[in-house]
């Protein structure tokens, strides 16, 4: 009788993820973390392997500061609807879609820059990726917490 109750607890704990809404929120949370890793350690390794000086690599770490400042623009995202998509998708979804499209373009632009030939362009792209990623992270968190049932909210916190 020992293994049965433990397996039952696992099944009950994982049952919340059968809900498509919870799976969507899980995917959004995972996707929100990827650009953070890109502008953090991955960018530093890329710059180091490209032969950029350690001073410049250290200065690139400042792009992560956008995550600390997201409280400044969060009220704007909460109150201002996007004119081209707000009516169709709703305010939170329209911001998620809009920021997601811009983030994809910024990541593509970051991938096309050469850190040795144009470090300022790369820094601008990295800062834009960090800013958009922080904004997307904030939107995804607000979306995940909005009308979630209490049982699901505990799993996604």
N, C-alpha and C. Protein backbone atom coordinates (compact mmCIF):
# COMPACT_ATOMS: atom_id res chain seq x y z
N UNK A 1 0.82 -1.20 0.00
CA UNK A 1 0.00 0.00 0.00
C UNK A 1 0.86 1.26 0.00
N UNK A 2 2.17 1.13 0.11
CA UNK A 2 3.06 2.28 0.15
C UNK A 2 3.09 3.10 -1.13
N UNK A 3 3.32 2.50 -2.32
CA UNK A 3 3.46 3.31 -3.53
C UNK A 3 2.15 3.89 -4.05
N UNK A 4 1.03 3.28 -3.77
CA UNK A 4 -0.24 3.76 -4.32
C UNK A 4 -0.61 5.18 -3.90
N UNK A 5 -0.59 5.55 -2.62
CA UNK A 5 -0.96 6.92 -2.25
C UNK A 5 -0.02 7.96 -2.87
N UNK A 6 1.26 7.65 -2.97
CA UNK A 6 2.19 8.60 -3.56
C UNK A 6 1.87 8.82 -5.04
N UNK A 7 1.56 7.75 -5.76
CA UNK A 7 1.21 7.88 -7.18
C UNK A 7 -0.09 8.66 -7.34
N UNK A 8 -1.02 8.44 -6.45
CA UNK A 8 -2.28 9.17 -6.50
C UNK A 8 -2.05 10.67 -6.30
N UNK A 9 -1.14 11.02 -5.39
CA UNK A 9 -0.82 12.43 -5.16
C UNK A 9 -0.21 13.06 -6.41
N UNK A 10 0.68 12.34 -7.08
CA UNK A 10 1.29 12.84 -8.30
C UNK A 10 0.26 13.06 -9.39
N UNK A 11 -0.63 12.10 -9.54
CA UNK A 11 -1.68 12.23 -10.57
C UNK A 11 -2.58 13.42 -10.29
N UNK A 12 -2.92 13.60 -9.04
CA UNK A 12 -3.77 14.73 -8.66
C UNK A 12 -3.04 16.06 -8.90
N UNK A 13 -1.77 16.10 -8.58
CA UNK A 13 -0.98 17.32 -8.76
C UNK A 13 -0.83 17.67 -10.25
N UNK A 14 -0.67 16.67 -11.09
CA UNK A 14 -0.49 16.91 -12.52
C UNK A 14 -1.80 17.06 -13.28
N UNK A 15 -2.91 16.72 -12.66
CA UNK A 15 -4.21 16.79 -13.34
C UNK A 15 -4.57 18.21 -13.76
N UNK A 16 -4.09 19.21 -13.05
CA UNK A 16 -4.41 20.59 -13.39
C UNK A 16 -3.86 20.96 -14.76
N UNK A 17 -2.79 20.28 -15.21
CA UNK A 17 -2.20 20.60 -16.50
C UNK A 17 -2.93 19.97 -17.68
N UNK A 18 -3.99 19.26 -17.43
CA UNK A 18 -4.82 18.76 -18.53
C UNK A 18 -5.69 19.87 -19.10
N UNK A 19 -5.86 20.92 -18.35
CA UNK A 19 -6.64 22.06 -18.78
C UNK A 19 -5.85 22.83 -19.85
N UNK A 20 -6.43 23.07 -21.04
CA UNK A 20 -5.70 23.78 -22.10
C UNK A 20 -5.24 25.17 -21.68
N UNK A 21 -6.02 25.85 -20.85
CA UNK A 21 -5.61 27.18 -20.38
C UNK A 21 -4.31 27.08 -19.57
N UNK A 22 -4.21 26.09 -18.72
CA UNK A 22 -3.01 25.92 -17.90
C UNK A 22 -1.81 25.58 -18.77
N UNK A 23 -2.01 24.77 -19.80
CA UNK A 23 -0.92 24.44 -20.72
C UNK A 23 -0.45 25.68 -21.48
N UNK A 24 -1.39 26.53 -21.87
CA UNK A 24 -1.03 27.77 -22.56
C UNK A 24 -0.22 28.67 -21.64
N UNK A 25 -0.65 28.79 -20.40
CA UNK A 25 0.08 29.62 -19.45
C UNK A 25 1.47 29.06 -19.18
N UNK A 26 1.57 27.74 -19.10
CA UNK A 26 2.87 27.10 -18.91
C UNK A 26 3.79 27.41 -20.09
N UNK A 27 3.27 27.32 -21.30
CA UNK A 27 4.07 27.61 -22.50
C UNK A 27 4.47 29.08 -22.55
N UNK A 28 3.56 29.98 -22.18
CA UNK A 28 3.90 31.41 -22.17
C UNK A 28 4.98 31.71 -21.14
N UNK A 29 4.91 31.08 -19.99
CA UNK A 29 5.93 31.28 -18.97
C UNK A 29 7.29 30.80 -19.43
N UNK A 30 7.31 29.64 -20.08
CA UNK A 30 8.56 29.12 -20.62
C UNK A 30 9.12 30.04 -21.69
N UNK A 31 8.25 30.48 -22.61
CA UNK A 31 8.68 31.35 -23.69
C UNK A 31 9.14 32.71 -23.17
N UNK A 32 8.58 33.17 -22.08
CA UNK A 32 8.99 34.45 -21.51
C UNK A 32 10.39 34.38 -20.92
N UNK A 33 10.81 33.22 -20.49
CA UNK A 33 12.14 33.08 -19.91
C UNK A 33 13.25 32.93 -20.92
N UNK A 34 12.94 32.52 -22.14
CA UNK A 34 13.98 32.31 -23.14
C UNK A 34 14.76 33.58 -23.50
N UNK A 35 14.09 34.71 -23.76
CA UNK A 35 14.87 35.91 -24.07
C UNK A 35 15.73 36.38 -22.90
N UNK A 36 15.31 36.11 -21.68
CA UNK A 36 16.13 36.47 -20.52
C UNK A 36 17.45 35.71 -20.57
N UNK A 37 17.39 34.44 -20.89
CA UNK A 37 18.62 33.65 -21.02
C UNK A 37 19.46 34.14 -22.20
N UNK A 38 18.79 34.55 -23.27
CA UNK A 38 19.50 35.04 -24.45
C UNK A 38 20.27 36.32 -24.15
N UNK A 39 19.66 37.25 -23.43
CA UNK A 39 20.34 38.51 -23.14
C UNK A 39 21.25 38.41 -21.92
N UNK A 40 21.26 37.28 -21.28
CA UNK A 40 22.13 37.08 -20.13
C UNK A 40 23.38 36.31 -20.51
N UNK A 41 23.45 35.07 -20.07
CA UNK A 41 24.65 34.25 -20.24
C UNK A 41 24.97 33.96 -21.70
N UNK A 42 23.95 33.70 -22.51
CA UNK A 42 24.20 33.36 -23.92
C UNK A 42 24.87 34.52 -24.65
N UNK A 43 24.39 35.73 -24.41
CA UNK A 43 24.98 36.91 -25.05
C UNK A 43 26.43 37.11 -24.58
N UNK A 44 26.69 36.87 -23.32
CA UNK A 44 28.05 37.04 -22.81
C UNK A 44 29.00 36.02 -23.43
N UNK A 45 28.54 34.78 -23.59
CA UNK A 45 29.39 33.77 -24.23
C UNK A 45 29.64 34.14 -25.69
N UNK A 46 28.60 34.59 -26.37
CA UNK A 46 28.73 34.98 -27.78
C UNK A 46 29.76 36.11 -27.92
N UNK A 47 29.66 37.11 -27.07
CA UNK A 47 30.58 38.24 -27.15
C UNK A 47 32.02 37.81 -26.83
N UNK A 48 32.17 36.96 -25.84
CA UNK A 48 33.51 36.50 -25.46
C UNK A 48 34.14 35.69 -26.59
N UNK A 49 33.37 34.80 -27.20
CA UNK A 49 33.89 34.00 -28.31
C UNK A 49 34.19 34.84 -29.55
N UNK A 50 33.49 35.97 -29.70
CA UNK A 50 33.74 36.85 -30.84
C UNK A 50 34.97 37.72 -30.62
N UNK A 51 35.52 37.70 -29.41
CA UNK A 51 36.73 38.47 -29.14
C UNK A 51 36.46 39.87 -28.62
N UNK A 52 35.27 40.14 -28.13
CA UNK A 52 34.96 41.45 -27.58
C UNK A 52 35.66 41.57 -26.23
N UNK A 53 36.13 42.76 -25.90
CA UNK A 53 36.86 42.96 -24.65
C UNK A 53 35.97 42.67 -23.44
N UNK A 54 36.61 42.27 -22.35
CA UNK A 54 35.86 41.95 -21.14
C UNK A 54 35.11 43.16 -20.59
N UNK A 55 35.65 44.34 -20.78
CA UNK A 55 34.97 45.56 -20.34
C UNK A 55 33.65 45.72 -21.09
N UNK A 56 33.70 45.53 -22.39
CA UNK A 56 32.47 45.65 -23.19
C UNK A 56 31.48 44.54 -22.87
N UNK A 57 31.98 43.34 -22.63
CA UNK A 57 31.10 42.24 -22.24
C UNK A 57 30.40 42.59 -20.93
N UNK A 58 31.13 43.16 -20.00
CA UNK A 58 30.55 43.58 -18.73
C UNK A 58 29.50 44.67 -18.91
N UNK A 59 29.75 45.58 -19.85
CA UNK A 59 28.77 46.64 -20.10
C UNK A 59 27.49 46.08 -20.73
N UNK A 60 27.63 45.02 -21.51
CA UNK A 60 26.44 44.39 -22.09
C UNK A 60 25.53 43.78 -21.02
N UNK A 61 26.09 43.50 -19.86
CA UNK A 61 25.27 42.96 -18.77
C UNK A 61 24.21 43.96 -18.32
N UNK A 62 24.42 45.25 -18.63
CA UNK A 62 23.46 46.28 -18.24
C UNK A 62 22.12 46.15 -18.97
N UNK A 63 22.07 45.40 -20.07
CA UNK A 63 20.80 45.25 -20.77
C UNK A 63 19.77 44.54 -19.90
N UNK A 64 20.24 43.72 -18.97
CA UNK A 64 19.33 43.04 -18.06
C UNK A 64 18.65 43.96 -17.07
N UNK A 65 19.09 45.20 -17.01
CA UNK A 65 18.49 46.18 -16.11
C UNK A 65 17.03 46.45 -16.47
N UNK A 66 16.65 46.17 -17.70
CA UNK A 66 15.26 46.37 -18.14
C UNK A 66 14.29 45.56 -17.28
N UNK A 67 14.72 44.41 -16.82
CA UNK A 67 13.85 43.58 -15.98
C UNK A 67 13.60 44.22 -14.63
N UNK A 68 14.55 45.00 -14.15
CA UNK A 68 14.38 45.68 -12.87
C UNK A 68 13.48 46.91 -13.00
N UNK A 69 13.36 47.44 -14.19
CA UNK A 69 12.58 48.66 -14.39
C UNK A 69 11.19 48.42 -14.97
N UNK A 70 10.79 47.17 -15.11
CA UNK A 70 9.50 46.91 -15.77
C UNK A 70 8.32 47.46 -14.98
N UNK A 71 8.50 47.75 -13.71
CA UNK A 71 7.42 48.35 -12.94
C UNK A 71 7.07 49.75 -13.44
N UNK A 72 7.99 50.39 -14.18
CA UNK A 72 7.74 51.73 -14.68
C UNK A 72 6.74 51.76 -15.84
N UNK A 73 6.84 50.79 -16.74
CA UNK A 73 5.93 50.81 -17.89
C UNK A 73 4.75 49.86 -17.74
N UNK A 74 4.72 49.06 -16.69
CA UNK A 74 3.58 48.15 -16.48
C UNK A 74 2.25 48.88 -16.37
N UNK A 75 2.16 50.00 -15.65
CA UNK A 75 0.86 50.70 -15.60
C UNK A 75 0.39 51.16 -16.98
N UNK A 76 1.32 51.54 -17.82
CA UNK A 76 0.95 51.94 -19.18
C UNK A 76 0.34 50.77 -19.95
N UNK A 77 0.95 49.60 -19.84
CA UNK A 77 0.43 48.42 -20.53
C UNK A 77 -0.92 47.99 -19.96
N UNK A 78 -1.15 48.27 -18.69
CA UNK A 78 -2.42 47.91 -18.07
C UNK A 78 -3.57 48.82 -18.49
N UNK A 79 -3.24 50.04 -18.88
CA UNK A 79 -4.30 51.02 -19.12
C UNK A 79 -4.50 51.43 -20.58
N UNK A 80 -3.47 51.30 -21.39
CA UNK A 80 -3.55 51.77 -22.77
C UNK A 80 -3.76 50.58 -23.71
N UNK A 81 -4.89 50.55 -24.43
CA UNK A 81 -5.10 49.45 -25.39
C UNK A 81 -4.35 49.71 -26.70
N UNK A 82 -3.99 48.64 -27.37
CA UNK A 82 -3.41 48.79 -28.71
C UNK A 82 -4.54 49.10 -29.69
N UNK A 83 -4.41 50.18 -30.46
CA UNK A 83 -5.53 50.57 -31.32
C UNK A 83 -5.84 49.57 -32.42
N UNK A 84 -4.86 48.87 -32.96
CA UNK A 84 -5.10 47.98 -34.09
C UNK A 84 -5.56 46.59 -33.69
N UNK A 85 -5.42 46.21 -32.43
CA UNK A 85 -5.80 44.85 -32.04
C UNK A 85 -6.60 44.80 -30.74
N UNK A 86 -6.68 45.89 -30.02
CA UNK A 86 -7.33 45.89 -28.72
C UNK A 86 -8.79 45.48 -28.77
N UNK A 87 -9.52 45.95 -29.77
CA UNK A 87 -10.95 45.63 -29.86
C UNK A 87 -11.18 44.17 -30.22
N UNK A 88 -10.33 43.59 -31.04
CA UNK A 88 -10.53 42.20 -31.47
C UNK A 88 -10.04 41.18 -30.46
N UNK A 89 -8.89 41.44 -29.88
CA UNK A 89 -8.27 40.45 -29.01
C UNK A 89 -8.43 40.74 -27.52
N UNK A 90 -8.78 41.95 -27.18
CA UNK A 90 -8.79 42.35 -25.79
C UNK A 90 -7.45 42.97 -25.44
N UNK A 91 -7.43 43.70 -24.35
CA UNK A 91 -6.23 44.47 -24.03
C UNK A 91 -5.02 43.60 -23.72
N UNK A 92 -5.17 42.60 -22.88
CA UNK A 92 -4.01 41.78 -22.51
C UNK A 92 -3.50 40.93 -23.66
N UNK A 93 -4.41 40.31 -24.37
CA UNK A 93 -3.99 39.47 -25.50
C UNK A 93 -3.35 40.30 -26.60
N UNK A 94 -3.91 41.49 -26.86
CA UNK A 94 -3.34 42.33 -27.92
C UNK A 94 -1.93 42.76 -27.57
N UNK A 95 -1.67 43.08 -26.31
CA UNK A 95 -0.31 43.41 -25.91
C UNK A 95 0.60 42.20 -26.03
N UNK A 96 0.13 41.03 -25.66
CA UNK A 96 0.94 39.82 -25.78
C UNK A 96 1.32 39.55 -27.24
N UNK A 97 0.34 39.68 -28.14
CA UNK A 97 0.62 39.45 -29.56
C UNK A 97 1.55 40.52 -30.11
N UNK A 98 1.25 41.78 -29.82
CA UNK A 98 2.08 42.87 -30.33
C UNK A 98 3.51 42.79 -29.84
N UNK A 99 3.68 42.58 -28.54
CA UNK A 99 5.02 42.47 -27.97
C UNK A 99 5.72 41.22 -28.51
N UNK A 100 4.98 40.14 -28.67
CA UNK A 100 5.57 38.91 -29.20
C UNK A 100 6.11 39.09 -30.61
N UNK A 101 5.36 39.79 -31.46
CA UNK A 101 5.83 40.05 -32.83
C UNK A 101 7.07 40.94 -32.84
N UNK A 102 7.04 41.99 -32.02
CA UNK A 102 8.20 42.87 -31.94
C UNK A 102 9.42 42.14 -31.35
N UNK A 103 9.17 41.28 -30.38
CA UNK A 103 10.25 40.52 -29.76
C UNK A 103 10.89 39.56 -30.76
N UNK A 104 10.07 38.92 -31.57
CA UNK A 104 10.61 38.02 -32.60
C UNK A 104 11.48 38.79 -33.59
N UNK A 105 11.03 39.97 -33.99
CA UNK A 105 11.81 40.80 -34.91
C UNK A 105 13.11 41.27 -34.25
N UNK A 106 13.05 41.64 -32.98
CA UNK A 106 14.25 42.10 -32.27
C UNK A 106 15.26 40.97 -32.10
N UNK A 107 14.78 39.77 -31.81
CA UNK A 107 15.69 38.63 -31.68
C UNK A 107 16.34 38.31 -33.03
N UNK A 108 15.55 38.39 -34.11
CA UNK A 108 16.11 38.16 -35.44
C UNK A 108 17.17 39.22 -35.77
N UNK A 109 16.89 40.47 -35.42
CA UNK A 109 17.86 41.54 -35.66
C UNK A 109 19.12 41.34 -34.83
N UNK A 110 18.95 40.89 -33.60
CA UNK A 110 20.11 40.62 -32.73
C UNK A 110 20.98 39.52 -33.34
N UNK A 111 20.35 38.51 -33.90
CA UNK A 111 21.09 37.42 -34.52
C UNK A 111 21.85 37.83 -35.76
N UNK A 112 21.43 38.92 -36.40
CA UNK A 112 22.08 39.37 -37.63
C UNK A 112 23.22 40.36 -37.39
N UNK A 113 23.36 40.83 -36.14
CA UNK A 113 24.41 41.82 -35.88
C UNK A 113 25.75 41.15 -35.59
N UNK A 114 26.79 41.87 -35.89
CA UNK A 114 28.15 41.40 -35.63
C UNK A 114 28.69 42.18 -34.43
N UNK A 115 29.02 41.49 -33.34
CA UNK A 115 29.45 42.21 -32.14
C UNK A 115 30.77 42.96 -32.30
N UNK A 116 31.61 42.52 -33.20
CA UNK A 116 32.90 43.19 -33.39
C UNK A 116 32.73 44.39 -34.33
N UNK A 117 32.02 44.21 -35.43
CA UNK A 117 31.87 45.27 -36.43
C UNK A 117 30.89 46.36 -35.98
N UNK A 118 29.85 45.98 -35.28
CA UNK A 118 28.85 46.99 -34.88
C UNK A 118 28.35 46.72 -33.45
N UNK A 119 29.20 47.00 -32.47
CA UNK A 119 28.80 46.71 -31.08
C UNK A 119 27.62 47.56 -30.62
N UNK A 120 27.50 48.80 -31.13
CA UNK A 120 26.39 49.66 -30.70
C UNK A 120 25.06 49.14 -31.23
N UNK A 121 25.06 48.63 -32.46
CA UNK A 121 23.83 48.05 -33.01
C UNK A 121 23.44 46.81 -32.23
N UNK A 122 24.44 46.02 -31.87
CA UNK A 122 24.14 44.83 -31.08
C UNK A 122 23.63 45.21 -29.70
N UNK A 123 24.22 46.21 -29.09
CA UNK A 123 23.76 46.66 -27.77
C UNK A 123 22.33 47.17 -27.85
N UNK A 124 22.00 47.90 -28.91
CA UNK A 124 20.63 48.41 -29.07
C UNK A 124 19.64 47.26 -29.25
N UNK A 125 20.01 46.28 -30.05
CA UNK A 125 19.14 45.12 -30.26
C UNK A 125 18.97 44.32 -28.96
N UNK A 126 20.07 44.13 -28.23
CA UNK A 126 20.00 43.39 -26.98
C UNK A 126 19.14 44.13 -25.95
N UNK A 127 19.27 45.45 -25.89
CA UNK A 127 18.45 46.23 -24.97
C UNK A 127 16.98 46.16 -25.36
N UNK A 128 16.71 46.20 -26.67
CA UNK A 128 15.32 46.09 -27.12
C UNK A 128 14.75 44.71 -26.80
N UNK A 129 15.53 43.67 -26.99
CA UNK A 129 15.09 42.31 -26.64
C UNK A 129 14.79 42.24 -25.15
N UNK A 130 15.66 42.79 -24.32
CA UNK A 130 15.45 42.75 -22.87
C UNK A 130 14.21 43.54 -22.48
N UNK A 131 14.03 44.71 -23.05
CA UNK A 131 12.85 45.53 -22.74
C UNK A 131 11.56 44.81 -23.14
N UNK A 132 11.52 44.30 -24.36
CA UNK A 132 10.31 43.62 -24.83
C UNK A 132 10.07 42.33 -24.06
N UNK A 133 11.14 41.63 -23.72
CA UNK A 133 11.00 40.40 -22.95
C UNK A 133 10.45 40.68 -21.55
N UNK A 134 10.93 41.74 -20.93
CA UNK A 134 10.42 42.12 -19.61
C UNK A 134 8.95 42.51 -19.69
N UNK A 135 8.60 43.24 -20.74
CA UNK A 135 7.20 43.63 -20.92
C UNK A 135 6.33 42.40 -21.19
N UNK A 136 6.82 41.48 -21.99
CA UNK A 136 6.06 40.25 -22.28
C UNK A 136 5.92 39.41 -21.03
N UNK A 137 6.96 39.34 -20.25
CA UNK A 137 6.90 38.59 -19.00
C UNK A 137 5.83 39.17 -18.08
N UNK A 138 5.78 40.48 -18.01
CA UNK A 138 4.77 41.15 -17.18
C UNK A 138 3.36 40.88 -17.71
N UNK A 139 3.19 40.94 -19.00
CA UNK A 139 1.87 40.68 -19.61
C UNK A 139 1.47 39.23 -19.40
N UNK A 140 2.40 38.32 -19.58
CA UNK A 140 2.09 36.89 -19.41
C UNK A 140 1.69 36.60 -17.97
N UNK A 141 2.36 37.23 -17.03
CA UNK A 141 2.01 37.02 -15.62
C UNK A 141 0.62 37.58 -15.32
N UNK A 142 0.32 38.75 -15.85
CA UNK A 142 -1.01 39.33 -15.63
C UNK A 142 -2.08 38.46 -16.28
N UNK A 143 -1.79 37.94 -17.45
CA UNK A 143 -2.75 37.07 -18.14
C UNK A 143 -2.96 35.78 -17.36
N UNK A 144 -1.89 35.23 -16.80
CA UNK A 144 -2.02 33.96 -16.09
C UNK A 144 -2.78 34.12 -14.79
N UNK A 145 -2.75 35.29 -14.22
CA UNK A 145 -3.41 35.48 -12.93
C UNK A 145 -4.84 35.99 -13.05
N UNK A 146 -5.25 36.45 -14.22
CA UNK A 146 -6.57 37.06 -14.32
C UNK A 146 -7.71 36.14 -13.92
N UNK A 147 -8.41 35.50 -14.80
CA UNK A 147 -9.54 34.69 -14.33
C UNK A 147 -9.20 33.22 -14.14
N UNK A 148 -8.18 32.92 -13.39
CA UNK A 148 -7.81 31.52 -13.14
C UNK A 148 -8.57 31.01 -11.93
N UNK A 149 -9.00 29.76 -11.99
CA UNK A 149 -9.60 29.18 -10.79
C UNK A 149 -8.52 29.03 -9.71
N UNK A 150 -8.89 29.13 -8.45
CA UNK A 150 -7.89 29.07 -7.38
C UNK A 150 -7.00 27.83 -7.43
N UNK A 151 -7.53 26.67 -7.81
CA UNK A 151 -6.70 25.45 -7.86
C UNK A 151 -5.60 25.59 -8.90
N UNK A 152 -5.91 26.16 -10.05
CA UNK A 152 -4.91 26.34 -11.09
C UNK A 152 -3.94 27.46 -10.78
N UNK A 153 -4.42 28.50 -10.09
CA UNK A 153 -3.58 29.63 -9.77
C UNK A 153 -2.42 29.20 -8.87
N UNK A 154 -2.65 28.27 -7.98
CA UNK A 154 -1.59 27.81 -7.10
C UNK A 154 -0.49 27.13 -7.90
N UNK A 155 -0.81 26.44 -8.96
CA UNK A 155 0.18 25.72 -9.75
C UNK A 155 1.03 26.64 -10.60
N UNK A 156 0.47 27.78 -11.04
CA UNK A 156 1.19 28.63 -11.97
C UNK A 156 1.88 29.80 -11.31
N UNK A 157 1.81 29.90 -10.01
CA UNK A 157 2.43 31.03 -9.32
C UNK A 157 3.93 30.94 -9.33
